[in-house]
Amino acid sequence: MIHAPRRALRLFENRQALILLVALLTLMLAPGMRGRLFRARELTDGLPVGAPSPISVHLQAPRFVHLEPGSRLEGQSAPQGWSHLVIKSIPKLATGDLDTVSSQAFETARRIRPLIVADIKRTEPKLGSSYYLARVGVGICAPGEDSVSDRVISPTSVEGTRGSWTAKQRIILAAMAYEVSRTHLAAATPTFALVRSPNTFLIEGSHRKIESCQALLVDPQSGKLRVIVWRDDAHHDAGEPSELPARLLSAPVFDCPQDVHATRVLGTPVAWSFAIRELPPGTDLTLPADLAGSLKAKVEGSADSTALEQALIQCMHDHE
């Protein structure tokens, strides 16, 4: 039970907070103060490559989610509830120690497919009718039992997929799911997301564990989605950042050639690693050294994210 004096004290505190809030709003809406606030926003939002959409001040950065198993996707279409299929990568064992793996390994590689999707929405007309990135999702899919669609899967749920799953395939699926679980959103604005995920790449003949990067850029006027991909600088220990090769994706679904390396003991293969050979198909870009350095640095707040977004847009314009 709350005694009367304590109840009166809470009522007084609530009234005091309300009075302070009204005073603050009155001050902000005063003509002089309002002008200074709007001018300050214009100064801080001004960027060399066109100012961000004014609507962005009303929106949050996109949510990052892991896809639930069971969703169906067909061709280049996104699962239900999502607007865009960003990436569906179909691994293909192409080079290396191919003679040391079984025919089932080739099948398994093409069966387990990393996936990135996006949900682009449009604001209400009263807010300017602008497009924004509401969500980004990651997961794994596999061919469906209808031989036309794919199904989102997890190590514990492969319902709706074609054929049975062996114990070895489920172990590989679990390993892939673990890698996907480490994918994260490194930077974001209402019209931009930088997704980083751990991957193994073939670099100068060796399999190296680095991060692959995907930049999702939404045109606020048209809603068009453009995706730039690159791998993190393999020479990350170098003192000075260097230019990074990148690609503007031409299609969301593509084959991903992989290299196979077998570790041998007394001449007998006992373990295998698989590495991505190259970036996905698309238009070649070069990320300048200063931008490459910024992309490797830790992003601190919305200002850094906005600067990265504008720099990537400028890079695309420079290659047009």
Protein backbone atom coordinates (compact mmCIF):
# COMPACT_ATOMS: atom_id res chain seq x y z
CA MET A 1 0.00 0.00 0.00
CA ILE A 2 1.26 3.51 -0.85
CA HIS A 3 0.74 6.03 1.89
CA ALA A 4 -0.84 9.41 1.14
CA PRO A 5 2.37 11.50 1.66
CA ARG A 6 4.27 9.28 -0.81
CA ARG A 7 1.41 9.53 -3.33
CA ALA A 8 1.39 13.30 -3.00
CA LEU A 9 5.15 13.43 -3.54
CA ARG A 10 4.84 11.42 -6.80
CA LEU A 11 2.04 13.71 -8.00
CA PHE A 12 4.21 16.74 -7.31
CA GLU A 13 7.15 15.18 -9.21
CA ASN A 14 4.92 14.37 -12.21
CA ARG A 15 3.58 17.93 -12.31
CA GLN A 16 7.09 19.31 -12.01
CA ALA A 17 8.25 17.19 -14.96
CA LEU A 18 5.25 18.33 -17.02
CA ILE A 19 5.99 21.99 -16.29
CA LEU A 20 9.62 21.53 -17.36
CA LEU A 21 8.54 19.80 -20.61
CA VAL A 22 6.07 22.59 -21.48
CA ALA A 23 8.74 25.21 -20.79
CA LEU A 24 11.25 23.42 -23.00
CA LEU A 25 8.75 23.12 -25.89
CA THR A 26 7.82 26.76 -25.58
CA LEU A 27 11.46 27.77 -25.75
CA MET A 28 12.10 25.56 -28.80
CA LEU A 29 9.10 26.98 -30.67
CA ALA A 30 9.98 30.58 -29.97
CA PRO A 31 10.80 32.32 -33.31
CA GLY A 32 14.42 33.10 -32.50
CA MET A 33 15.27 29.72 -31.03
CA ARG A 34 13.45 27.86 -33.84
CA GLY A 35 15.46 29.70 -36.46
CA ARG A 36 18.75 28.88 -34.77
CA LEU A 37 17.82 25.20 -34.50
CA PHE A 38 16.90 24.95 -38.18
CA ARG A 39 20.03 26.81 -39.29
CA ALA A 40 22.20 24.51 -37.16
CA ARG A 41 20.60 21.47 -38.80
CA GLU A 42 21.31 22.88 -42.26
CA LEU A 43 24.97 23.39 -41.38
CA THR A 44 25.50 19.94 -39.90
CA ASP A 45 23.56 18.09 -42.61
CA GLY A 46 25.32 19.75 -45.54
CA LEU A 47 27.55 17.19 -47.30
CA PRO A 48 29.68 17.38 -50.46
CA VAL A 49 27.65 14.74 -52.31
CA GLY A 50 24.14 16.06 -51.86
CA ALA A 51 22.40 16.37 -48.51
CA PRO A 52 20.62 13.34 -47.04
CA SER A 53 16.88 13.18 -47.65
CA PRO A 54 15.07 15.49 -45.20
CA ILE A 55 12.78 12.61 -44.38
CA SER A 56 15.68 10.75 -42.74
CA VAL A 57 15.37 12.87 -39.60
CA HIS A 58 12.00 11.18 -38.93
CA LEU A 59 13.20 7.62 -39.43
CA GLN A 60 15.30 5.05 -37.62
CA ALA A 61 18.17 3.02 -39.07
CA PRO A 62 17.06 -0.39 -40.40
CA ARG A 63 16.58 -3.32 -38.06
CA PHE A 64 18.86 -6.31 -38.55
CA VAL A 65 17.22 -9.73 -38.24
CA HIS A 66 17.99 -13.40 -38.78
CA LEU A 67 15.41 -15.07 -41.01
CA GLU A 68 13.08 -17.65 -39.54
CA PRO A 69 13.06 -21.03 -41.33
CA GLY A 70 10.17 -21.95 -43.59
CA SER A 71 9.89 -18.82 -45.75
CA ARG A 72 9.63 -19.49 -49.49
CA LEU A 73 11.40 -17.56 -52.24
CA GLU A 74 11.31 -18.11 -55.98
CA GLY A 75 13.76 -16.96 -58.66
CA GLN A 76 14.94 -13.44 -57.89
CA SER A 77 11.99 -12.66 -55.60
CA ALA A 78 12.29 -12.05 -51.87
CA PRO A 79 10.46 -14.13 -49.23
CA GLN A 80 6.98 -13.02 -48.26
CA GLY A 81 7.07 -9.89 -46.14
CA TRP A 82 10.29 -8.63 -47.73
CA SER A 83 10.56 -6.33 -50.74
CA HIS A 84 14.01 -7.19 -52.17
CA LEU A 85 16.26 -10.20 -52.59
CA VAL A 86 19.73 -8.69 -52.13
CA ILE A 87 21.98 -11.73 -52.44
CA LYS A 88 21.41 -15.45 -52.96
CA SER A 89 24.80 -17.04 -53.43
CA ILE A 90 24.99 -20.56 -54.91
CA PRO A 91 28.37 -22.12 -54.04
CA LYS A 92 30.09 -24.18 -56.72
CA LEU A 93 33.26 -26.21 -56.17
CA ALA A 94 35.42 -25.10 -59.08
CA THR A 95 39.17 -25.41 -58.43
CA GLY A 96 41.75 -26.94 -56.12
CA ASP A 97 41.76 -30.45 -54.70
CA LEU A 98 38.52 -31.50 -56.39
CA ASP A 99 39.68 -35.10 -56.73
CA THR A 100 39.75 -35.49 -52.94
CA VAL A 101 36.03 -34.76 -52.36
CA SER A 102 33.04 -36.98 -53.07
CA SER A 103 30.29 -36.31 -55.58
CA GLN A 104 28.02 -35.58 -52.61
CA ALA A 105 30.28 -32.66 -51.67
CA PHE A 106 29.48 -30.97 -54.99
CA GLU A 107 25.78 -31.44 -54.34
CA THR A 108 25.99 -30.21 -50.74
CA ALA A 109 27.91 -27.09 -51.77
CA ARG A 110 25.14 -26.01 -54.18
CA ARG A 111 22.43 -26.94 -51.72
CA ILE A 112 23.35 -24.61 -48.84
CA ARG A 113 22.91 -21.01 -50.01
CA PRO A 114 23.69 -17.84 -48.00
CA LEU A 115 20.98 -15.20 -48.24
CA ILE A 116 20.54 -11.46 -47.66
CA VAL A 117 17.18 -9.71 -48.05
CA ALA A 118 15.91 -6.17 -47.57
CA ASP A 119 12.59 -4.54 -46.79
CA ILE A 120 12.20 -1.14 -48.45
CA LYS A 121 9.12 0.85 -47.48
CA ARG A 122 7.57 4.18 -48.37
CA THR A 123 6.71 6.86 -45.84
CA GLU A 124 3.29 8.39 -45.42
CA PRO A 125 2.52 11.26 -47.85
CA LYS A 126 2.45 13.75 -44.99
CA LEU A 127 6.14 12.93 -44.33
CA GLY A 128 7.20 13.53 -47.93
CA SER A 129 6.53 10.10 -49.51
CA SER A 130 10.16 8.99 -49.45
CA TYR A 131 11.57 5.46 -49.59
CA TYR A 132 13.62 4.05 -46.73
CA LEU A 133 15.27 0.82 -45.60
CA ALA A 134 13.20 -0.67 -42.80
CA ARG A 135 14.91 -4.06 -42.29
CA VAL A 136 17.86 -6.15 -43.42
CA GLY A 137 17.72 -9.92 -43.00
CA VAL A 138 20.26 -12.73 -43.32
CA GLY A 139 19.90 -16.48 -43.41
CA ILE A 140 20.39 -19.69 -45.39
CA CYS A 141 18.15 -21.28 -47.97
CA ALA A 142 18.04 -24.56 -49.90
CA PRO A 143 16.16 -25.81 -52.98
CA GLY A 144 12.51 -26.55 -52.22
CA GLU A 145 10.73 -29.83 -52.78
CA ASP A 146 8.86 -28.32 -55.74
CA SER A 147 12.24 -27.89 -57.57
CA VAL A 148 11.26 -24.28 -58.36
CA SER A 149 11.51 -22.35 -55.11
CA ASP A 150 13.96 -22.18 -52.21
CA ARG A 151 13.15 -22.48 -48.52
CA VAL A 152 14.80 -20.67 -45.65
CA ILE A 153 16.33 -23.28 -43.36
CA SER A 154 18.22 -23.70 -40.09
CA PRO A 155 20.22 -26.59 -38.56
CA THR A 156 17.06 -27.72 -36.74
CA SER A 157 14.51 -27.09 -39.50
CA VAL A 158 14.82 -28.16 -43.14
CA GLU A 159 11.12 -28.60 -43.81
CA GLY A 160 9.97 -28.01 -47.37
CA THR A 161 13.37 -28.74 -48.95
CA ARG A 162 14.02 -31.31 -51.64
CA GLY A 163 15.41 -34.67 -50.57
CA SER A 164 16.74 -35.98 -47.27
CA TRP A 165 19.65 -34.58 -45.28
CA THR A 166 22.53 -36.79 -44.19
CA ALA A 167 24.27 -36.32 -40.84
CA LYS A 168 27.31 -34.89 -42.63
CA GLN A 169 25.17 -32.38 -44.54
CA ARG A 170 23.54 -31.24 -41.31
CA ILE A 171 26.97 -30.72 -39.75
CA ILE A 172 28.00 -28.57 -42.72
CA LEU A 173 24.70 -26.68 -42.46
CA ALA A 174 25.33 -26.04 -38.74
CA ALA A 175 28.82 -24.72 -39.53
CA MET A 176 27.42 -22.40 -42.20
CA ALA A 177 24.66 -21.22 -39.85
CA TYR A 178 27.29 -20.35 -37.25
CA GLU A 179 29.15 -18.19 -39.78
CA VAL A 180 25.91 -16.47 -40.80
CA SER A 181 25.11 -15.80 -37.12
CA ARG A 182 28.30 -13.68 -36.96
CA THR A 183 27.08 -11.40 -39.75
CA HIS A 184 26.40 -7.93 -38.39
CA LEU A 185 25.33 -4.43 -39.32
CA ALA A 186 28.44 -2.25 -39.13
CA ALA A 187 26.84 1.07 -40.13
CA ALA A 188 23.38 2.28 -41.12
CA THR A 189 21.15 5.23 -41.96
CA PRO A 190 17.49 5.12 -43.06
CA THR A 191 18.71 4.64 -46.66
CA PHE A 192 21.95 2.71 -46.16
CA ALA A 193 23.24 -0.45 -44.50
CA LEU A 194 26.77 -1.84 -44.33
CA VAL A 195 26.65 -5.58 -43.72
CA ARG A 196 29.82 -7.43 -42.71
CA SER A 197 30.15 -11.20 -42.63
CA PRO A 198 33.10 -13.56 -42.02
CA ASN A 199 34.17 -15.52 -45.11
CA THR A 200 37.16 -17.44 -46.43
CA PHE A 201 38.68 -16.10 -49.66
CA LEU A 202 41.36 -17.44 -51.96
CA ILE A 203 44.12 -14.81 -51.81
CA GLU A 204 47.47 -15.31 -53.51
CA GLY A 205 47.02 -19.08 -53.47
CA SER A 206 46.07 -19.31 -49.78
CA HIS A 207 42.74 -19.60 -47.96
CA ARG A 208 42.34 -16.57 -45.71
CA LYS A 209 39.60 -15.75 -43.24
CA ILE A 210 38.50 -12.13 -43.74
CA GLU A 211 35.25 -10.21 -43.90
CA SER A 212 33.09 -9.71 -46.95
CA CYS A 213 31.23 -6.41 -47.07
CA GLN A 214 27.92 -5.49 -48.69
CA ALA A 215 26.71 -1.89 -48.87
CA LEU A 216 22.97 -1.51 -49.49
CA LEU A 217 22.06 1.93 -50.88
CA VAL A 218 18.43 3.01 -51.35
CA ASP A 219 17.43 5.94 -53.55
CA PRO A 220 14.92 7.83 -51.37
CA GLN A 221 13.10 9.20 -54.43
CA SER A 222 12.70 6.05 -56.55
CA GLY A 223 13.21 3.26 -54.01
CA LYS A 224 15.86 1.66 -56.25
CA LEU A 225 18.32 -0.56 -54.40
CA ARG A 226 21.98 -0.70 -55.39
CA VAL A 227 24.47 -3.08 -53.77
CA ILE A 228 28.25 -2.66 -53.65
CA VAL A 229 30.35 -5.63 -52.51
CA TRP A 230 34.01 -5.96 -51.61
CA ARG A 231 36.25 -8.02 -49.38
CA ASP A 232 38.05 -6.43 -46.49
CA ASP A 233 41.63 -5.47 -47.27
CA ALA A 234 43.69 -8.65 -47.26
CA HIS A 235 46.76 -6.59 -46.31
CA HIS A 236 45.08 -5.32 -43.16
CA ASP A 237 48.37 -5.04 -41.31
CA ALA A 238 49.73 -2.45 -43.75
CA GLY A 239 50.39 0.92 -42.22
CA GLU A 240 48.61 2.93 -44.92
CA PRO A 241 45.20 1.94 -46.37
CA SER A 242 45.17 1.22 -50.10
CA GLU A 243 42.49 1.22 -52.77
CA LEU A 244 40.00 -1.62 -52.62
CA PRO A 245 38.51 -3.40 -55.64
CA ALA A 246 34.72 -3.61 -55.40
CA ARG A 247 31.73 -4.45 -57.57
CA LEU A 248 28.28 -3.01 -58.12
CA LEU A 249 26.08 -6.12 -58.22
CA SER A 250 24.36 -6.82 -61.52
CA ALA A 251 21.94 -9.49 -60.18
CA PRO A 252 21.01 -10.84 -56.74
CA VAL A 253 21.33 -14.54 -57.68
CA PHE A 254 24.69 -15.86 -58.84
CA ASP A 255 27.05 -18.84 -58.77
CA CYS A 256 29.90 -18.48 -56.29
CA PRO A 257 33.01 -20.41 -57.49
CA GLN A 258 34.99 -21.90 -54.62
CA ASP A 259 38.45 -23.37 -54.24
CA VAL A 260 39.01 -26.62 -52.34
CA HIS A 261 42.10 -27.24 -50.21
CA ALA A 262 42.75 -30.66 -48.66
CA THR A 263 44.96 -31.06 -45.60
CA ARG A 264 46.82 -34.36 -45.81
CA VAL A 265 48.41 -36.62 -43.20
CA LEU A 266 50.85 -39.14 -44.65
CA GLY A 267 49.40 -38.35 -48.07
CA THR A 268 45.80 -39.01 -47.04
CA PRO A 269 43.27 -36.12 -47.07
CA VAL A 270 41.85 -35.69 -43.57
CA ALA A 271 40.35 -32.18 -43.61
CA TRP A 272 39.12 -29.69 -46.17
CA SER A 273 38.63 -25.93 -46.43
CA PHE A 274 36.65 -24.01 -49.02
CA ALA A 275 37.37 -20.47 -50.17
CA ILE A 276 35.51 -17.97 -52.35
CA ARG A 277 37.50 -17.31 -55.49
CA GLU A 278 36.17 -13.90 -56.53
CA LEU A 279 33.62 -11.16 -55.96
CA PRO A 280 30.09 -11.64 -57.35
CA PRO A 281 29.40 -10.59 -60.97
CA GLY A 282 28.88 -6.89 -61.57
CA THR A 283 30.46 -3.60 -62.59
CA ASP A 284 34.01 -3.11 -61.33
CA LEU A 285 34.57 -0.19 -58.95
CA THR A 286 37.59 1.06 -57.04
CA LEU A 287 37.12 2.35 -53.51
CA PRO A 288 39.66 5.17 -52.88
CA ALA A 289 42.27 4.68 -50.18
CA ASP A 290 40.75 7.31 -47.87
CA LEU A 291 37.32 5.67 -48.14
CA ALA A 292 38.89 2.24 -47.60
CA GLY A 293 40.44 3.54 -44.39
CA SER A 294 37.10 4.94 -43.20
CA LEU A 295 35.33 1.66 -43.97
CA LYS A 296 37.81 -0.23 -41.79
CA ALA A 297 37.48 2.18 -38.87
CA LYS A 298 34.87 1.72 -36.17
CA VAL A 299 31.72 3.64 -37.02
CA GLU A 300 30.69 6.04 -34.27
CA GLY A 301 27.11 7.24 -34.58
CA SER A 302 24.87 8.43 -37.40
CA ALA A 303 27.25 11.12 -38.65
CA ASP A 304 29.91 8.53 -39.55
CA SER A 305 27.30 6.32 -41.23
CA THR A 306 25.98 9.23 -43.29
CA ALA A 307 29.51 10.18 -44.38
CA LEU A 308 30.18 6.59 -45.51
CA GLU A 309 26.90 6.49 -47.41
CA GLN A 310 27.67 9.72 -49.25
CA ALA A 311 31.23 8.59 -50.06
CA LEU A 312 29.96 5.32 -51.56
CA ILE A 313 27.38 7.19 -53.64
CA GLN A 314 30.13 9.49 -54.89
CA CYS A 315 32.24 6.47 -55.80
CA MET A 316 29.41 5.08 -57.92
CA HIS A 317 28.95 8.45 -59.64
CA ASP A 318 32.67 8.62 -60.40
CA HIS A 319 32.46 5.30 -62.27
CA GLU A 320 29.40 6.17 -64.33
